[in-house]
PDB file of N, CA and C in Angstrom:
ATOM      1  N   MET A   1     -36.475   4.501 -29.900  1.00  0.00           N
ATOM      2  CA  MET A   1     -35.168   4.216 -30.468  1.00  0.00           C
ATOM      3  C   MET A   1     -34.470   5.541 -30.747  1.00  0.00           C
ATOM      4  N   PRO A   2     -33.203   5.699 -30.313  1.00  0.00           N
ATOM      5  CA  PRO A   2     -32.520   6.971 -30.536  1.00  0.00           C
ATOM      6  C   PRO A   2     -32.248   7.208 -32.017  1.00  0.00           C
ATOM      7  N   GLN A   3     -32.318   8.464 -32.402  1.00  0.00           N
ATOM      8  CA  GLN A   3     -32.030   8.857 -33.775  1.00  0.00           C
ATOM      9  C   GLN A   3     -30.516   8.883 -33.991  1.00  0.00           C
ATOM     10  N   PRO A   4     -30.065   8.438 -35.167  1.00  0.00           N
ATOM     11  CA  PRO A   4     -28.624   8.534 -35.431  1.00  0.00           C
ATOM     12  C   PRO A   4     -28.200   9.994 -35.474  1.00  0.00           C
ATOM     13  N   SER A   5     -26.999  10.243 -34.988  1.00  0.00           N
ATOM     14  CA  SER A   5     -26.518  11.620 -35.002  1.00  0.00           C
ATOM     15  C   SER A   5     -26.161  12.023 -36.430  1.00  0.00           C
ATOM     16  N   VAL A   6     -26.308  13.286 -36.700  1.00  0.00           N
ATOM     17  CA  VAL A   6     -25.966  13.839 -38.006  1.00  0.00           C
ATOM     18  C   VAL A   6     -24.572  14.418 -37.914  1.00  0.00           C
ATOM     19  N   ILE A   7     -23.706  13.984 -38.798  1.00  0.00           N
ATOM     20  CA  ILE A   7     -22.340  14.496 -38.803  1.00  0.00           C
ATOM     21  C   ILE A   7     -22.316  15.753 -39.654  1.00  0.00           C
ATOM     22  N   THR A   8     -21.840  16.816 -39.060  1.00  0.00           N
ATOM     23  CA  THR A   8     -21.728  18.085 -39.770  1.00  0.00           C
ATOM     24  C   THR A   8     -20.260  18.503 -39.798  1.00  0.00           C
ATOM     25  N   PRO A   9     -19.893  19.414 -40.689  1.00  0.00           N
ATOM     26  CA  PRO A   9     -18.494  19.849 -40.734  1.00  0.00           C
ATOM     27  C   PRO A   9     -18.084  20.499 -39.415  1.00  0.00           C
ATOM     28  N   PHE A  10     -16.794  20.320 -39.065  1.00  0.00           N
ATOM     29  CA  PHE A  10     -16.271  21.043 -37.912  1.00  0.00           C
ATOM     30  C   PHE A  10     -16.443  22.525 -38.178  1.00  0.00           C
ATOM     31  N   ARG A  11     -16.638  23.287 -37.133  1.00  0.00           N
ATOM     32  CA  ARG A  11     -16.828  24.732 -37.276  1.00  0.00           C
ATOM     33  C   ARG A  11     -15.728  25.487 -36.540  1.00  0.00           C
ATOM     34  N   ARG A  12     -15.307  26.599 -37.143  1.00  0.00           N
ATOM     35  CA  ARG A  12     -14.376  27.486 -36.457  1.00  0.00           C
ATOM     36  C   ARG A  12     -15.159  28.266 -35.413  1.00  0.00           C
ATOM     37  N   MET A  13     -14.473  29.042 -34.629  1.00  0.00           N
ATOM     38  CA  MET A  13     -15.139  29.820 -33.588  1.00  0.00           C
ATOM     39  C   MET A  13     -16.145  30.809 -34.181  1.00  0.00           C
ATOM     40  N   ASP A  14     -15.919  31.268 -35.413  1.00  0.00           N
ATOM     41  CA  ASP A  14     -16.843  32.211 -36.041  1.00  0.00           C
ATOM     42  C   ASP A  14     -18.010  31.501 -36.718  1.00  0.00           C
ATOM     43  N   GLY A  15     -18.101  30.174 -36.556  1.00  0.00           N
ATOM     44  CA  GLY A  15     -19.222  29.428 -37.109  1.00  0.00           C
ATOM     45  C   GLY A  15     -18.998  28.906 -38.510  1.00  0.00           C
ATOM     46  N   GLU A  16     -17.924  29.307 -39.153  1.00  0.00           N
ATOM     47  CA  GLU A  16     -17.629  28.856 -40.512  1.00  0.00           C
ATOM     48  C   GLU A  16     -16.986  27.473 -40.460  1.00  0.00           C
ATOM     49  N   PRO A  17     -17.087  26.687 -41.554  1.00  0.00           N
ATOM     50  CA  PRO A  17     -16.430  25.379 -41.577  1.00  0.00           C
ATOM     51  C   PRO A  17     -14.918  25.523 -41.403  1.00  0.00           C
ATOM     52  N   VAL A  18     -14.295  24.536 -40.780  1.00  0.00           N
ATOM     53  CA  VAL A  18     -12.855  24.568 -40.565  1.00  0.00           C
ATOM     54  C   VAL A  18     -12.116  24.497 -41.894  1.00  0.00           C
ATOM     55  N   PHE A  19     -12.611  23.655 -42.802  1.00  0.00           N
ATOM     56  CA  PHE A  19     -11.949  23.474 -44.091  1.00  0.00           C
ATOM     57  C   PHE A  19     -12.871  23.960 -45.195  1.00  0.00           C
ATOM     58  N   ASP A  20     -12.323  24.805 -46.074  1.00  0.00           N
ATOM     59  CA  ASP A  20     -13.095  25.271 -47.224  1.00  0.00           C
ATOM     60  C   ASP A  20     -13.129  24.216 -48.326  1.00  0.00           C
ATOM     61  N   ASP A  21     -12.065  23.422 -48.418  1.00  0.00           N
ATOM     62  CA  ASP A  21     -11.944  22.385 -49.445  1.00  0.00           C
ATOM     63  C   ASP A  21     -11.325  21.140 -48.826  1.00  0.00           C
ATOM     64  N   ALA A  22     -11.597  20.001 -49.431  1.00  0.00           N
ATOM     65  CA  ALA A  22     -11.081  18.726 -48.913  1.00  0.00           C
ATOM     66  C   ALA A  22      -9.554  18.703 -48.870  1.00  0.00           C
ATOM     67  N   TRP A  23      -8.889  19.332 -49.822  1.00  0.00           N
ATOM     68  CA  TRP A  23      -7.427  19.284 -49.863  1.00  0.00           C
ATOM     69  C   TRP A  23      -6.827  19.888 -48.611  1.00  0.00           C
ATOM     70  N   GLN A  24      -7.525  20.841 -47.997  1.00  0.00           N
ATOM     71  CA  GLN A  24      -7.002  21.466 -46.789  1.00  0.00           C
ATOM     72  C   GLN A  24      -6.937  20.443 -45.648  1.00  0.00           C
ATOM     73  N   ALA A  25      -7.979  19.661 -45.502  1.00  0.00           N
ATOM     74  CA  ALA A  25      -7.977  18.609 -44.473  1.00  0.00           C
ATOM     75  C   ALA A  25      -6.922  17.560 -44.802  1.00  0.00           C
ATOM     76  N   GLU A  26      -6.766  17.257 -46.074  1.00  0.00           N
ATOM     77  CA  GLU A  26      -5.817  16.232 -46.491  1.00  0.00           C
ATOM     78  C   GLU A  26      -4.377  16.640 -46.191  1.00  0.00           C
ATOM     79  N   VAL A  27      -4.055  17.923 -46.334  1.00  0.00           N
ATOM     80  CA  VAL A  27      -2.696  18.388 -46.028  1.00  0.00           C
ATOM     81  C   VAL A  27      -2.385  18.119 -44.558  1.00  0.00           C
ATOM     82  N   LEU A  28      -3.306  18.485 -43.678  1.00  0.00           N
ATOM     83  CA  LEU A  28      -3.063  18.277 -42.254  1.00  0.00           C
ATOM     84  C   LEU A  28      -3.045  16.788 -41.908  1.00  0.00           C
ATOM     85  N   ALA A  29      -3.889  16.011 -42.563  1.00  0.00           N
ATOM     86  CA  ALA A  29      -3.900  14.563 -42.318  1.00  0.00           C
ATOM     87  C   ALA A  29      -2.594  13.927 -42.772  1.00  0.00           C
ATOM     88  N   MET A  30      -2.079  14.351 -43.916  1.00  0.00           N
ATOM     89  CA  MET A  30      -0.813  13.800 -44.402  1.00  0.00           C
ATOM     90  C   MET A  30       0.330  14.159 -43.459  1.00  0.00           C
ATOM     91  N   ALA A  31       0.321  15.393 -42.954  1.00  0.00           N
ATOM     92  CA  ALA A  31       1.356  15.788 -42.001  1.00  0.00           C
ATOM     93  C   ALA A  31       1.286  14.902 -40.755  1.00  0.00           C
ATOM     94  N   GLN A  32       0.074  14.625 -40.283  1.00  0.00           N
ATOM     95  CA  GLN A  32      -0.076  13.785 -39.098  1.00  0.00           C
ATOM     96  C   GLN A  32       0.411  12.362 -39.357  1.00  0.00           C
ATOM     97  N   VAL A  33       0.103  11.817 -40.518  1.00  0.00           N
ATOM     98  CA  VAL A  33       0.583  10.472 -40.862  1.00  0.00           C
ATOM     99  C   VAL A  33       2.110  10.440 -40.917  1.00  0.00           C
ATOM    100  N   LEU A  34       2.710  11.468 -41.494  1.00  0.00           N
ATOM    101  CA  LEU A  34       4.173  11.521 -41.573  1.00  0.00           C
ATOM    102  C   LEU A  34       4.803  11.608 -40.183  1.00  0.00           C
ATOM    103  N   ILE A  35       4.149  12.328 -39.279  1.00  0.00           N
ATOM    104  CA  ILE A  35       4.629  12.402 -37.896  1.00  0.00           C
ATOM    105  C   ILE A  35       4.461  11.039 -37.226  1.00  0.00           C
ATOM    106  N   ASP A  36       3.262  10.459 -37.372  1.00  0.00           N
ATOM    107  CA  ASP A  36       2.969   9.171 -36.729  1.00  0.00           C
ATOM    108  C   ASP A  36       3.879   8.048 -37.206  1.00  0.00           C
ATOM    109  N   THR A  37       4.308   8.115 -38.461  1.00  0.00           N
ATOM    110  CA  THR A  37       5.168   7.058 -39.016  1.00  0.00           C
ATOM    111  C   THR A  37       6.657   7.373 -38.890  1.00  0.00           C
ATOM    112  N   GLY A  38       6.988   8.504 -38.294  1.00  0.00           N
ATOM    113  CA  GLY A  38       8.379   8.845 -38.047  1.00  0.00           C
ATOM    114  C   GLY A  38       9.124   9.425 -39.226  1.00  0.00           C
ATOM    115  N   VAL A  39       8.413   9.751 -40.301  1.00  0.00           N
ATOM    116  CA  VAL A  39       9.081  10.359 -41.458  1.00  0.00           C
ATOM    117  C   VAL A  39       9.552  11.762 -41.100  1.00  0.00           C
ATOM    118  N   ILE A  40       8.735  12.500 -40.366  1.00  0.00           N
ATOM    119  CA  ILE A  40       9.093  13.820 -39.847  1.00  0.00           C
ATOM    120  C   ILE A  40       8.730  13.846 -38.371  1.00  0.00           C
ATOM    121  N   THR A  41       9.262  14.812 -37.654  1.00  0.00           N
ATOM    122  CA  THR A  41       8.897  14.973 -36.250  1.00  0.00           C
ATOM    123  C   THR A  41       7.865  16.090 -36.117  1.00  0.00           C
ATOM    124  N   ALA A  42       7.196  16.103 -34.986  1.00  0.00           N
ATOM    125  CA  ALA A  42       6.241  17.185 -34.726  1.00  0.00           C
ATOM    126  C   ALA A  42       6.965  18.531 -34.706  1.00  0.00           C
ATOM    127  N   ALA A  43       8.180  18.546 -34.191  1.00  0.00           N
ATOM    128  CA  ALA A  43       8.965  19.776 -34.173  1.00  0.00           C
ATOM    129  C   ALA A  43       9.306  20.228 -35.595  1.00  0.00           C
ATOM    130  N   ASP A  44       9.661  19.266 -36.469  1.00  0.00           N
ATOM    131  CA  ASP A  44       9.919  19.599 -37.880  1.00  0.00           C
ATOM    132  C   ASP A  44       8.690  20.255 -38.497  1.00  0.00           C
ATOM    133  N   TRP A  45       7.522  19.668 -38.242  1.00  0.00           N
ATOM    134  CA  TRP A  45       6.272  20.193 -38.798  1.00  0.00           C
ATOM    135  C   TRP A  45       5.993  21.593 -38.263  1.00  0.00           C
ATOM    136  N   ALA A  46       6.136  21.770 -36.965  1.00  0.00           N
ATOM    137  CA  ALA A  46       5.875  23.084 -36.369  1.00  0.00           C
ATOM    138  C   ALA A  46       6.830  24.134 -36.933  1.00  0.00           C
ATOM    139  N   ASP A  47       8.107  23.793 -37.020  1.00  0.00           N
ATOM    140  CA  ASP A  47       9.091  24.739 -37.558  1.00  0.00           C
ATOM    141  C   ASP A  47       8.825  25.052 -39.030  1.00  0.00           C
ATOM    142  N   GLY A  48       8.545  23.998 -39.811  1.00  0.00           N
ATOM    143  CA  GLY A  48       8.285  24.198 -41.239  1.00  0.00           C
ATOM    144  C   GLY A  48       7.034  25.002 -41.494  1.00  0.00           C
ATOM    145  N   LEU A  49       5.965  24.696 -40.763  1.00  0.00           N
ATOM    146  CA  LEU A  49       4.721  25.447 -40.925  1.00  0.00           C
ATOM    147  C   LEU A  49       4.906  26.893 -40.490  1.00  0.00           C
ATOM    148  N   GLY A  50       5.604  27.099 -39.384  1.00  0.00           N
ATOM    149  CA  GLY A  50       5.858  28.467 -38.919  1.00  0.00           C
ATOM    150  C   GLY A  50       6.627  29.283 -39.944  1.00  0.00           C
ATOM    151  N   ALA A  51       7.649  28.678 -40.529  1.00  0.00           N
ATOM    152  CA  ALA A  51       8.446  29.384 -41.541  1.00  0.00           C
ATOM    153  C   ALA A  51       7.597  29.721 -42.765  1.00  0.00           C
ATOM    154  N   SER A  52       6.782  28.779 -43.205  1.00  0.00           N
ATOM    155  CA  SER A  52       5.925  29.025 -44.371  1.00  0.00           C
ATOM    156  C   SER A  52       4.891  30.105 -44.076  1.00  0.00           C
ATOM    157  N   LEU A  53       4.345  30.090 -42.879  1.00  0.00           N
ATOM    158  CA  LEU A  53       3.358  31.122 -42.509  1.00  0.00           C
ATOM    159  C   LEU A  53       3.993  32.503 -42.485  1.00  0.00           C
ATOM    160  N   ARG A  54       5.206  32.593 -41.970  1.00  0.00           N
ATOM    161  CA  ARG A  54       5.884  33.896 -41.959  1.00  0.00           C
ATOM    162  C   ARG A  54       6.118  34.411 -43.376  1.00  0.00           C
ATOM    163  N   GLU A  55       6.364  33.506 -44.313  1.00  0.00           N
ATOM    164  CA  GLU A  55       6.594  33.912 -45.705  1.00  0.00           C
ATOM    165  C   GLU A  55       5.330  34.467 -46.357  1.00  0.00           C
ATOM    166  N   VAL A  56       4.173  33.872 -46.073  1.00  0.00           N
ATOM    167  CA  VAL A  56       2.953  34.302 -46.767  1.00  0.00           C
ATOM    168  C   VAL A  56       2.191  35.391 -46.032  1.00  0.00           C
ATOM    169  N   GLN A  57       2.404  35.535 -44.745  1.00  0.00           N
ATOM    170  CA  GLN A  57       1.636  36.515 -43.979  1.00  0.00           C
ATOM    171  C   GLN A  57       2.466  37.771 -43.746  1.00  0.00           C
ATOM    172  N   VAL A  58       2.525  38.592 -44.778  1.00  0.00           N
ATOM    173  CA  VAL A  58       3.329  39.808 -44.695  1.00  0.00           C
ATOM    174  C   VAL A  58       2.549  40.979 -44.108  1.00  0.00           C
ATOM    175  N   ASP A  59       1.222  40.887 -44.098  1.00  0.00           N
ATOM    176  CA  ASP A  59       0.393  41.932 -43.504  1.00  0.00           C
ATOM    177  C   ASP A  59      -0.934  41.330 -43.055  1.00  0.00           C
ATOM    178  N   ASP A  60      -1.786  42.147 -42.420  1.00  0.00           N
ATOM    179  CA  ASP A  60      -3.059  41.632 -41.907  1.00  0.00           C
ATOM    180  C   ASP A  60      -3.957  41.094 -43.015  1.00  0.00           C
ATOM    181  N   GLU A  61      -3.886  41.681 -44.209  1.00  0.00           N
ATOM    182  CA  GLU A  61      -4.745  41.244 -45.306  1.00  0.00           C
ATOM    183  C   GLU A  61      -4.353  39.865 -45.844  1.00  0.00           C
ATOM    184  N   SER A  62      -3.101  39.487 -45.659  1.00  0.00           N
ATOM    185  CA  SER A  62      -2.661  38.182 -46.157  1.00  0.00           C
ATOM    186  C   SER A  62      -2.908  37.065 -45.137  1.00  0.00           C
ATOM    187  N   ASP A  63      -3.427  37.412 -43.952  1.00  0.00           N
ATOM    188  CA  ASP A  63      -3.720  36.427 -42.911  1.00  0.00           C
ATOM    189  C   ASP A  63      -5.106  35.842 -43.173  1.00  0.00           C
ATOM    190  N   THR A  64      -5.156  34.894 -44.135  1.00  0.00           N
ATOM    191  CA  THR A  64      -6.422  34.296 -44.532  1.00  0.00           C
ATOM    192  C   THR A  64      -6.365  32.783 -44.362  1.00  0.00           C
ATOM    193  N   VAL A  65      -7.529  32.169 -44.353  1.00  0.00           N
ATOM    194  CA  VAL A  65      -7.606  30.714 -44.274  1.00  0.00           C
ATOM    195  C   VAL A  65      -6.900  30.090 -45.473  1.00  0.00           C
ATOM    196  N   GLN A  66      -7.145  30.611 -46.656  1.00  0.00           N
ATOM    197  CA  GLN A  66      -6.520  30.081 -47.868  1.00  0.00           C
ATOM    198  C   GLN A  66      -4.999  30.135 -47.765  1.00  0.00           C
ATOM    199  N   ASN A  67      -4.464  31.259 -47.320  1.00  0.00           N
ATOM    200  CA  ASN A  67      -3.015  31.381 -47.196  1.00  0.00           C
ATOM    201  C   ASN A  67      -2.457  30.437 -46.134  1.00  0.00           C
ATOM    202  N   TYR A  68      -3.233  30.197 -45.064  1.00  0.00           N
ATOM    203  CA  TYR A  68      -2.786  29.249 -44.042  1.00  0.00           C
ATOM    204  C   TYR A  68      -2.575  27.874 -44.657  1.00  0.00           C
ATOM    205  N   TYR A  69      -3.560  27.403 -45.407  1.00  0.00           N
ATOM    206  CA  TYR A  69      -3.448  26.061 -45.966  1.00  0.00           C
ATOM    207  C   TYR A  69      -2.432  25.990 -47.102  1.00  0.00           C
ATOM    208  N   LEU A  70      -2.259  27.076 -47.849  1.00  0.00           N
ATOM    209  CA  LEU A  70      -1.195  27.098 -48.857  1.00  0.00           C
ATOM    210  C   LEU A  70       0.167  27.019 -48.176  1.00  0.00           C
ATOM    211  N   ALA A  71       0.311  27.709 -47.041  1.00  0.00           N
ATOM    212  CA  ALA A  71       1.560  27.625 -46.277  1.00  0.00           C
ATOM    213  C   ALA A  71       1.760  26.215 -45.737  1.00  0.00           C
ATOM    214  N   ALA A  72       0.682  25.581 -45.281  1.00  0.00           N
ATOM    215  CA  ALA A  72       0.782  24.208 -44.786  1.00  0.00           C
ATOM    216  C   ALA A  72       1.220  23.274 -45.899  1.00  0.00           C
ATOM    217  N   LEU A  73       0.674  23.447 -47.093  1.00  0.00           N
ATOM    218  CA  LEU A  73       1.069  22.613 -48.237  1.00  0.00           C
ATOM    219  C   LEU A  73       2.535  22.840 -48.592  1.00  0.00           C
ATOM    220  N   THR A  74       2.965  24.088 -48.601  1.00  0.00           N
ATOM    221  CA  THR A  74       4.363  24.402 -48.883  1.00  0.00           C
ATOM    222  C   THR A  74       5.273  23.749 -47.853  1.00  0.00           C
ATOM    223  N   ALA A  75       4.907  23.852 -46.574  1.00  0.00           N
ATOM    224  CA  ALA A  75       5.707  23.243 -45.511  1.00  0.00           C
ATOM    225  C   ALA A  75       5.789  21.731 -45.691  1.00  0.00           C
ATOM    226  N   LEU A  76       4.654  21.114 -46.007  1.00  0.00           N
ATOM    227  CA  LEU A  76       4.632  19.668 -46.202  1.00  0.00           C
ATOM    228  C   LEU A  76       5.536  19.264 -47.360  1.00  0.00           C
ATOM    229  N   GLU A  77       5.447  19.965 -48.471  1.00  0.00           N
ATOM    230  CA  GLU A  77       6.284  19.640 -49.629  1.00  0.00           C
ATOM    231  C   GLU A  77       7.763  19.797 -49.302  1.00  0.00           C
ATOM    232  N   ARG A  78       8.120  20.863 -48.603  1.00  0.00           N
ATOM    233  CA  ARG A  78       9.522  21.082 -48.243  1.00  0.00           C
ATOM    234  C   ARG A  78      10.029  19.986 -47.306  1.00  0.00           C
ATOM    235  N   LEU A  79       9.201  19.592 -46.357  1.00  0.00           N
ATOM    236  CA  LEU A  79       9.607  18.546 -45.420  1.00  0.00           C
ATOM    237  C   LEU A  79       9.782  17.208 -46.136  1.00  0.00           C
ATOM    238  N   LEU A  80       8.930  16.942 -47.106  1.00  0.00           N
ATOM    239  CA  LEU A  80       9.081  15.702 -47.872  1.00  0.00           C
ATOM    240  C   LEU A  80      10.388  15.705 -48.651  1.00  0.00           C
ATOM    241  N   VAL A  81      10.704  16.835 -49.270  1.00  0.00           N
ATOM    242  CA  VAL A  81      11.966  16.939 -50.012  1.00  0.00           C
ATOM    243  C   VAL A  81      13.145  16.767 -49.055  1.00  0.00           C
ATOM    244  N   SER A  82      13.075  17.398 -47.889  1.00  0.00           N
ATOM    245  CA  SER A  82      14.193  17.285 -46.941  1.00  0.00           C
ATOM    246  C   SER A  82      14.309  15.872 -46.363  1.00  0.00           C
ATOM    247  N   SER A  83      13.222  15.088 -46.422  1.00  0.00           N
ATOM    248  CA  SER A  83      13.294  13.712 -45.924  1.00  0.00           C
ATOM    249  C   SER A  83      13.745  12.734 -47.001  1.00  0.00           C
ATOM    250  N   GLY A  84      14.032  13.255 -48.210  1.00  0.00           N
ATOM    251  CA  GLY A  84      14.595  12.398 -49.245  1.00  0.00           C
ATOM    252  C   GLY A  84      13.679  12.128 -50.429  1.00  0.00           C
ATOM    253  N   ILE A  85      12.479  12.641 -50.406  1.00  0.00           N
ATOM    254  CA  ILE A  85      11.573  12.467 -51.547  1.00  0.00           C
ATOM    255  C   ILE A  85      11.821  13.616 -52.514  1.00  0.00           C
ATOM    256  N   SER A  86      12.115  13.289 -53.748  1.00  0.00           N
ATOM    257  CA  SER A  86      12.476  14.341 -54.702  1.00  0.00           C
ATOM    258  C   SER A  86      11.243  15.110 -55.178  1.00  0.00           C
ATOM    259  N   ALA A  87      11.479  16.344 -55.553  1.00  0.00           N
ATOM    260  CA  ALA A  87      10.413  17.170 -56.116  1.00  0.00           C
ATOM    261  C   ALA A  87       9.869  16.522 -57.392  1.00  0.00           C
ATOM    262  N   GLN A  88      10.741  15.858 -58.147  1.00  0.00           N
ATOM    263  CA  GLN A  88      10.307  15.183 -59.369  1.00  0.00           C
ATOM    264  C   GLN A  88       9.362  14.027 -59.043  1.00  0.00           C
ATOM    265  N   ASP A  89       9.668  13.264 -57.990  1.00  0.00           N
ATOM    266  CA  ASP A  89       8.785  12.172 -57.580  1.00  0.00           C
ATOM    267  C   ASP A  89       7.422  12.706 -57.136  1.00  0.00           C
ATOM    268  N   MET A  90       7.443  13.811 -56.388  1.00  0.00           N
ATOM    269  CA  MET A  90       6.168  14.405 -55.956  1.00  0.00           C
ATOM    270  C   MET A  90       5.367  14.884 -57.157  1.00  0.00           C
ATOM    271  N   ASP A  91       6.048  15.500 -58.118  1.00  0.00           N
ATOM    272  CA  ASP A  91       5.356  15.989 -59.303  1.00  0.00           C
ATOM    273  C   ASP A  91       4.783  14.834 -60.120  1.00  0.00           C
ATOM    274  N   ALA A  92       5.534  13.756 -60.245  1.00  0.00           N
ATOM    275  CA  ALA A  92       5.048  12.586 -60.981  1.00  0.00           C
ATOM    276  C   ALA A  92       3.816  11.994 -60.290  1.00  0.00           C
ATOM    277  N   GLN A  93       3.853  11.938 -58.969  1.00  0.00           N
ATOM    278  CA  GLN A  93       2.710  11.417 -58.222  1.00  0.00           C
ATOM    279  C   GLN A  93       1.492  12.330 -58.399  1.00  0.00           C
ATOM    280  N   LYS A  94       1.725  13.629 -58.372  1.00  0.00           N
ATOM    281  CA  LYS A  94       0.629  14.582 -58.575  1.00  0.00           C
ATOM    282  C   LYS A  94       0.015  14.393 -59.962  1.00  0.00           C
ATOM    283  N   GLN A  95       0.857  14.253 -60.970  1.00  0.00           N
ATOM    284  CA  GLN A  95       0.353  14.074 -62.329  1.00  0.00           C
ATOM    285  C   GLN A  95      -0.434  12.772 -62.459  1.00  0.00           C
ATOM    286  N   ALA A  96       0.012  11.725 -61.757  1.00  0.00           N
ATOM    287  CA  ALA A  96      -0.718  10.450 -61.775  1.00  0.00           C
ATOM    288  C   ALA A  96      -2.100  10.614 -61.151  1.00  0.00           C
ATOM    289  N   TRP A  97      -2.175  11.369 -60.060  1.00  0.00           N
ATOM    290  CA  TRP A  97      -3.479  11.610 -59.419  1.00  0.00           C
ATOM    291  C   TRP A  97      -4.382  12.442 -60.324  1.00  0.00           C
ATOM    292  N   VAL A  98      -3.816  13.450 -60.984  1.00  0.00           N
ATOM    293  CA  VAL A  98      -4.611  14.274 -61.895  1.00  0.00           C
ATOM    294  C   VAL A  98      -5.176  13.415 -63.019  1.00  0.00           C
ATOM    295  N   ALA A  99      -4.348  12.574 -63.595  1.00  0.00           N
ATOM    296  CA  ALA A  99      -4.807  11.698 -64.684  1.00  0.00           C
ATOM    297  C   ALA A  99      -5.883  10.736 -64.187  1.00  0.00           C
ATOM    298  N   ALA A 100      -5.674  10.162 -63.006  1.00  0.00           N
ATOM    299  CA  ALA A 100      -6.669   9.234 -62.444  1.00  0.00           C
ATOM    300  C   ALA A 100      -7.975   9.953 -62.153  1.00  0.00           C
ATOM    301  N   TYR A 101      -7.879  11.167 -61.629  1.00  0.00           N
ATOM    302  CA  TYR A 101      -9.076  11.954 -61.322  1.00  0.00           C
ATOM    303  C   TYR A 101      -9.871  12.247 -62.598  1.00  0.00           C
ATOM    304  N   LYS A 102      -9.162  12.659 -63.637  1.00  0.00           N
ATOM    305  CA  LYS A 102      -9.832  13.000 -64.895  1.00  0.00           C
ATOM    306  C   LYS A 102     -10.460  11.772 -65.557  1.00  0.00           C
ATOM    307  N   ALA A 103      -9.891  10.601 -65.323  1.00  0.00           N
ATOM    308  CA  ALA A 103     -10.395   9.377 -65.948  1.00  0.00           C
ATOM    309  C   ALA A 103     -11.494   8.697 -65.125  1.00  0.00           C
ATOM    310  N   THR A 104     -11.764   9.205 -63.936  1.00  0.00           N
ATOM    311  CA  THR A 104     -12.730   8.564 -63.043  1.00  0.00           C
ATOM    312  C   THR A 104     -14.123   9.150 -63.254  1.00  0.00           C
ATOM    313  N   PRO A 105     -15.117   8.297 -63.487  1.00  0.00           N
ATOM    314  CA  PRO A 105     -16.489   8.800 -63.621  1.00  0.00           C
ATOM    315  C   PRO A 105     -16.952   9.475 -62.329  1.00  0.00           C
ATOM    316  N   HIS A 106     -17.795  10.486 -62.480  1.00  0.00           N
ATOM    317  CA  HIS A 106     -18.312  11.232 -61.333  1.00  0.00           C
ATOM    318  C   HIS A 106     -18.952  10.277 -60.322  1.00  0.00           C
ATOM    319  N   GLY A 107     -18.622  10.466 -59.058  1.00  0.00           N
ATOM    320  CA  GLY A 107     -19.202   9.655 -57.998  1.00  0.00           C
ATOM    321  C   GLY A 107     -18.437   8.395 -57.680  1.00  0.00           C
ATOM    322  N   GLU A 108     -17.472   8.045 -58.509  1.00  0.00           N
ATOM    323  CA  GLU A 108     -16.683   6.833 -58.275  1.00  0.00           C
ATOM    324  C   GLU A 108     -15.400   7.203 -57.526  1.00  0.00           C
ATOM    325  N   PRO A 109     -14.851   6.274 -56.758  1.00  0.00           N
ATOM    326  CA  PRO A 109     -13.577   6.578 -56.079  1.00  0.00           C
ATOM    327  C   PRO A 109     -12.436   6.675 -57.080  1.00  0.00           C
ATOM    328  N   VAL A 110     -11.530   7.591 -56.814  1.00  0.00           N
ATOM    329  CA  VAL A 110     -10.353   7.769 -57.667  1.00  0.00           C
ATOM    330  C   VAL A 110      -9.329   6.725 -57.258  1.00  0.00           C
ATOM    331  N   LYS A 111      -8.814   5.984 -58.253  1.00  0.00           N
ATOM    332  CA  LYS A 111      -7.822   4.944 -57.988  1.00  0.00           C
ATOM    333  C   LYS A 111      -6.628   5.140 -58.901  1.00  0.00           C
ATOM    334  N   LEU A 112      -5.446   5.067 -58.297  1.00  0.00           N
ATOM    335  CA  LEU A 112      -4.219   5.131 -59.084  1.00  0.00           C
ATOM    336  C   LEU A 112      -3.923   3.756 -59.681  1.00  0.00           C
ATOM    337  N   LYS A 113      -3.391   3.759 -60.888  1.00  0.00           N
ATOM    338  CA  LYS A 113      -2.936   2.495 -61.467  1.00  0.00           C
ATOM    339  C   LYS A 113      -1.630   2.094 -60.804  1.00  0.00           C
ATOM    340  N   SER A 114      -1.459   0.813 -60.573  1.00  0.00           N
ATOM    341  CA  SER A 114      -0.228   0.321 -59.910  1.00  0.00           C
ATOM    342  C   SER A 114       0.951   0.393 -60.836  1.00  0.00           C
TER     343      SER A 114
END
């Protein structure tokens, strides 16, 4: 009987994991969902991410994985605002997630109250 395959993290070319933290994968996943649902276009995402990367990468030392994902998050937030979602709504949603996270016992799924 064949052994089940073991799922391991994606690896970059240098052998390191692609994502250092779950939020990094979530930013890219959210961008893909927004593209797939027509909220933003792939061109909007590419332009927004490019602009954010140019802002944070001022020299070779600032070209880091962390800065890449921070730029991706900034681009995503800006695109959401430009699509009509207010910064206040995003902040309220973030605060709701923080409260839900803090109230959730370890190991349990985090759920927002309706």
